[in-house]
Amino acid sequence: MSLNSFRPRTLGSFILAACALMATLPAEAADRQDSRDLRQEVRPEVRDAKQDCRENDQKDNYECRQDKREVKQDVREKARDIKH
């Protein structure tokens, strides 16, 4: 086998592999964006809930902060489910 006949096959295989990879990337990018959007949507709601909790003296600051962390962690898990 000569080197000249080997090159087109290698190049063709490389191009085919690159096209297959490029076909999967947009779907993953959309999933990552959906995941990020979910986390961004929840931020103001959680922030307001924590402020209301502190202003109304419903709980200690520590308890309000823990509630906020729990909600954010739940949202992170949902975002991971979207991505993966």
N, C-alpha and C. Protein backbone atom coordinates (compact mmCIF):
# COMPACT_ATOMS: atom_id res chain seq x y z
N MET A 1 0.86 -1.17 0.00
CA MET A 1 0.00 0.00 0.00
C MET A 1 0.90 1.23 0.00
N SER A 2 0.59 2.13 -0.86
CA SER A 2 1.42 3.33 -0.93
C SER A 2 0.90 4.38 0.03
N LEU A 3 1.72 5.33 0.33
CA LEU A 3 1.37 6.41 1.24
C LEU A 3 0.26 7.28 0.66
N ASN A 4 0.22 7.45 -0.63
CA ASN A 4 -0.80 8.28 -1.27
C ASN A 4 -2.20 7.69 -1.13
N SER A 5 -2.34 6.37 -1.17
CA SER A 5 -3.66 5.77 -1.03
C SER A 5 -4.11 5.75 0.43
N PHE A 6 -3.17 5.83 1.33
CA PHE A 6 -3.50 5.82 2.76
C PHE A 6 -4.02 7.19 3.23
N ARG A 7 -3.49 8.25 2.72
CA ARG A 7 -3.87 9.60 3.15
C ARG A 7 -5.34 9.94 2.94
N PRO A 8 -5.92 9.70 1.78
CA PRO A 8 -7.35 10.03 1.60
C PRO A 8 -8.25 9.27 2.55
N ARG A 9 -7.93 8.03 2.84
CA ARG A 9 -8.76 7.27 3.78
C ARG A 9 -8.67 7.86 5.18
N THR A 10 -7.48 8.23 5.59
CA THR A 10 -7.29 8.81 6.92
C THR A 10 -8.00 10.15 7.01
N LEU A 11 -7.85 10.96 5.99
CA LEU A 11 -8.50 12.26 5.97
C LEU A 11 -10.01 12.10 5.97
N GLY A 12 -10.51 11.15 5.18
CA GLY A 12 -11.95 10.90 5.13
C GLY A 12 -12.49 10.43 6.46
N SER A 13 -11.75 9.55 7.13
CA SER A 13 -12.16 9.07 8.45
C SER A 13 -12.17 10.21 9.46
N PHE A 14 -11.16 11.05 9.36
CA PHE A 14 -11.08 12.20 10.27
C PHE A 14 -12.26 13.15 10.06
N ILE A 15 -12.59 13.43 8.82
CA ILE A 15 -13.71 14.33 8.52
C ILE A 15 -15.01 13.72 8.99
N LEU A 16 -15.20 12.43 8.78
CA LEU A 16 -16.41 11.75 9.23
C LEU A 16 -16.54 11.80 10.75
N ALA A 17 -15.46 11.57 11.46
CA ALA A 17 -15.48 11.63 12.93
C ALA A 17 -15.77 13.05 13.41
N ALA A 18 -15.19 14.03 12.75
CA ALA A 18 -15.42 15.43 13.14
C ALA A 18 -16.88 15.83 12.92
N CYS A 19 -17.47 15.37 11.83
CA CYS A 19 -18.89 15.67 11.56
C CYS A 19 -19.79 15.02 12.61
N ALA A 20 -19.48 13.80 12.98
CA ALA A 20 -20.27 13.12 14.00
C ALA A 20 -20.19 13.85 15.33
N LEU A 21 -19.01 14.33 15.67
CA LEU A 21 -18.83 15.08 16.91
C LEU A 21 -19.60 16.40 16.86
N MET A 22 -19.53 17.08 15.75
CA MET A 22 -20.21 18.37 15.62
C MET A 22 -21.72 18.22 15.68
N ALA A 23 -22.24 17.07 15.28
CA ALA A 23 -23.68 16.84 15.33
C ALA A 23 -24.17 16.70 16.76
N THR A 24 -23.33 16.20 17.66
CA THR A 24 -23.76 16.01 19.04
C THR A 24 -23.56 17.26 19.90
N LEU A 25 -22.66 18.14 19.51
CA LEU A 25 -22.36 19.31 20.34
C LEU A 25 -23.53 20.27 20.51
N PRO A 26 -24.29 20.61 19.47
CA PRO A 26 -25.39 21.56 19.68
C PRO A 26 -26.44 21.07 20.68
N ALA A 27 -26.73 19.78 20.69
CA ALA A 27 -27.70 19.25 21.64
C ALA A 27 -27.18 19.41 23.07
N GLU A 28 -25.90 19.12 23.28
CA GLU A 28 -25.33 19.26 24.61
C GLU A 28 -25.29 20.73 25.04
N ALA A 29 -25.00 21.60 24.11
CA ALA A 29 -24.97 23.03 24.42
C ALA A 29 -26.36 23.51 24.82
N ALA A 30 -27.38 23.04 24.15
CA ALA A 30 -28.75 23.44 24.49
C ALA A 30 -29.12 22.92 25.88
N ASP A 31 -28.70 21.70 26.19
CA ASP A 31 -28.98 21.15 27.52
C ASP A 31 -28.29 21.97 28.61
N ARG A 32 -27.04 22.34 28.35
CA ARG A 32 -26.32 23.16 29.33
C ARG A 32 -26.99 24.51 29.52
N GLN A 33 -27.47 25.10 28.43
CA GLN A 33 -28.14 26.40 28.53
C GLN A 33 -29.45 26.27 29.30
N ASP A 34 -30.21 25.20 29.05
CA ASP A 34 -31.46 24.98 29.79
C ASP A 34 -31.17 24.81 31.28
N SER A 35 -30.11 24.09 31.59
CA SER A 35 -29.71 23.87 32.97
C SER A 35 -29.36 25.21 33.64
N ARG A 36 -28.60 26.02 32.94
CA ARG A 36 -28.19 27.32 33.48
C ARG A 36 -29.40 28.23 33.65
N ASP A 37 -30.31 28.21 32.69
CA ASP A 37 -31.52 29.03 32.78
C ASP A 37 -32.34 28.67 34.01
N LEU A 38 -32.44 27.37 34.29
CA LEU A 38 -33.19 26.93 35.47
C LEU A 38 -32.58 27.51 36.74
N ARG A 39 -31.26 27.42 36.86
CA ARG A 39 -30.60 27.96 38.06
C ARG A 39 -30.76 29.47 38.15
N GLN A 40 -30.69 30.15 37.02
CA GLN A 40 -30.81 31.62 37.02
C GLN A 40 -32.23 32.05 37.40
N GLU A 41 -33.23 31.31 36.95
CA GLU A 41 -34.62 31.66 37.25
C GLU A 41 -34.92 31.59 38.74
N VAL A 42 -34.31 30.67 39.42
CA VAL A 42 -34.61 30.44 40.83
C VAL A 42 -33.90 31.43 41.74
N ARG A 43 -32.79 31.99 41.30
CA ARG A 43 -32.00 32.87 42.17
C ARG A 43 -32.80 34.01 42.79
N PRO A 44 -33.53 34.82 42.02
CA PRO A 44 -34.26 35.93 42.65
C PRO A 44 -35.32 35.46 43.64
N GLU A 45 -35.98 34.36 43.30
CA GLU A 45 -37.02 33.83 44.19
C GLU A 45 -36.42 33.41 45.53
N VAL A 46 -35.30 32.73 45.49
CA VAL A 46 -34.65 32.25 46.71
C VAL A 46 -34.13 33.43 47.52
N ARG A 47 -33.57 34.41 46.83
CA ARG A 47 -33.05 35.60 47.51
C ARG A 47 -34.19 36.34 48.23
N ASP A 48 -35.31 36.51 47.55
CA ASP A 48 -36.46 37.18 48.16
C ASP A 48 -37.01 36.39 49.34
N ALA A 49 -37.06 35.08 49.20
CA ALA A 49 -37.56 34.25 50.30
C ALA A 49 -36.67 34.38 51.54
N LYS A 50 -35.35 34.44 51.33
CA LYS A 50 -34.44 34.59 52.45
C LYS A 50 -34.62 35.96 53.10
N GLN A 51 -34.76 37.00 52.28
CA GLN A 51 -34.97 38.34 52.83
C GLN A 51 -36.25 38.40 53.64
N ASP A 52 -37.33 37.83 53.11
CA ASP A 52 -38.61 37.82 53.84
C ASP A 52 -38.48 37.06 55.15
N CYS A 53 -37.75 35.96 55.10
CA CYS A 53 -37.54 35.16 56.31
C CYS A 53 -36.83 35.99 57.38
N ARG A 54 -35.79 36.71 56.98
CA ARG A 54 -35.03 37.51 57.93
C ARG A 54 -35.83 38.71 58.44
N GLU A 55 -36.56 39.37 57.54
CA GLU A 55 -37.31 40.56 57.92
C GLU A 55 -38.46 40.23 58.88
N ASN A 56 -39.09 39.10 58.67
CA ASN A 56 -40.23 38.73 59.51
C ASN A 56 -39.82 38.02 60.79
N ASP A 57 -38.52 37.85 60.98
CA ASP A 57 -37.99 37.16 62.16
C ASP A 57 -38.66 35.81 62.37
N GLN A 58 -38.92 35.12 61.27
CA GLN A 58 -39.53 33.80 61.38
C GLN A 58 -38.52 32.80 61.96
N LYS A 59 -37.28 32.97 61.55
CA LYS A 59 -36.23 32.05 61.98
C LYS A 59 -34.95 32.84 62.20
N ASP A 60 -33.95 32.18 62.78
CA ASP A 60 -32.63 32.80 62.89
C ASP A 60 -32.03 32.95 61.50
N ASN A 61 -31.04 33.82 61.39
CA ASN A 61 -30.36 34.00 60.12
C ASN A 61 -29.77 32.68 59.62
N TYR A 62 -29.24 31.91 60.55
CA TYR A 62 -28.66 30.61 60.19
C TYR A 62 -29.71 29.71 59.54
N GLU A 63 -30.90 29.65 60.11
CA GLU A 63 -31.96 28.79 59.57
C GLU A 63 -32.43 29.29 58.20
N CYS A 64 -32.51 30.59 58.04
CA CYS A 64 -32.89 31.16 56.74
C CYS A 64 -31.84 30.81 55.68
N ARG A 65 -30.58 30.91 56.08
CA ARG A 65 -29.49 30.61 55.16
C ARG A 65 -29.51 29.13 54.78
N GLN A 66 -29.77 28.25 55.75
CA GLN A 66 -29.85 26.82 55.46
C GLN A 66 -31.00 26.51 54.52
N ASP A 67 -32.13 27.16 54.72
CA ASP A 67 -33.28 26.95 53.82
C ASP A 67 -32.91 27.34 52.40
N LYS A 68 -32.23 28.47 52.27
CA LYS A 68 -31.80 28.93 50.94
C LYS A 68 -30.85 27.91 50.31
N ARG A 69 -29.92 27.41 51.08
CA ARG A 69 -28.96 26.42 50.56
C ARG A 69 -29.66 25.15 50.11
N GLU A 70 -30.63 24.70 50.88
CA GLU A 70 -31.36 23.48 50.52
C GLU A 70 -32.12 23.65 49.21
N VAL A 71 -32.76 24.80 49.05
CA VAL A 71 -33.50 25.06 47.81
C VAL A 71 -32.54 25.11 46.63
N LYS A 72 -31.42 25.81 46.80
CA LYS A 72 -30.45 25.90 45.72
C LYS A 72 -29.87 24.53 45.37
N GLN A 73 -29.65 23.70 46.37
CA GLN A 73 -29.12 22.36 46.11
C GLN A 73 -30.13 21.53 45.34
N ASP A 74 -31.41 21.65 45.69
CA ASP A 74 -32.44 20.93 44.95
C ASP A 74 -32.47 21.37 43.48
N VAL A 75 -32.32 22.66 43.26
CA VAL A 75 -32.32 23.18 41.89
C VAL A 75 -31.09 22.69 41.14
N ARG A 76 -29.94 22.63 41.82
CA ARG A 76 -28.73 22.12 41.18
C ARG A 76 -28.92 20.68 40.72
N GLU A 77 -29.58 19.86 41.55
CA GLU A 77 -29.83 18.47 41.19
C GLU A 77 -30.74 18.39 39.97
N LYS A 78 -31.76 19.23 39.93
CA LYS A 78 -32.65 19.24 38.76
C LYS A 78 -31.89 19.68 37.51
N ALA A 79 -31.00 20.65 37.68
CA ALA A 79 -30.20 21.13 36.55
C ALA A 79 -29.27 20.03 36.06
N ARG A 80 -28.70 19.25 36.98
CA ARG A 80 -27.84 18.14 36.57
C ARG A 80 -28.64 17.09 35.79
N ASP A 81 -29.88 16.86 36.22
CA ASP A 81 -30.73 15.90 35.51
C ASP A 81 -30.98 16.37 34.08
N ILE A 82 -31.12 17.65 33.88
CA ILE A 82 -31.33 18.20 32.54
C ILE A 82 -30.08 17.99 31.70
N LYS A 83 -28.92 18.26 32.28
CA LYS A 83 -27.67 18.18 31.53
C LYS A 83 -27.28 16.74 31.19
N HIS A 84 -27.52 15.84 32.08
CA HIS A 84 -26.99 14.47 31.88
C HIS A 84 -28.09 13.55 31.58
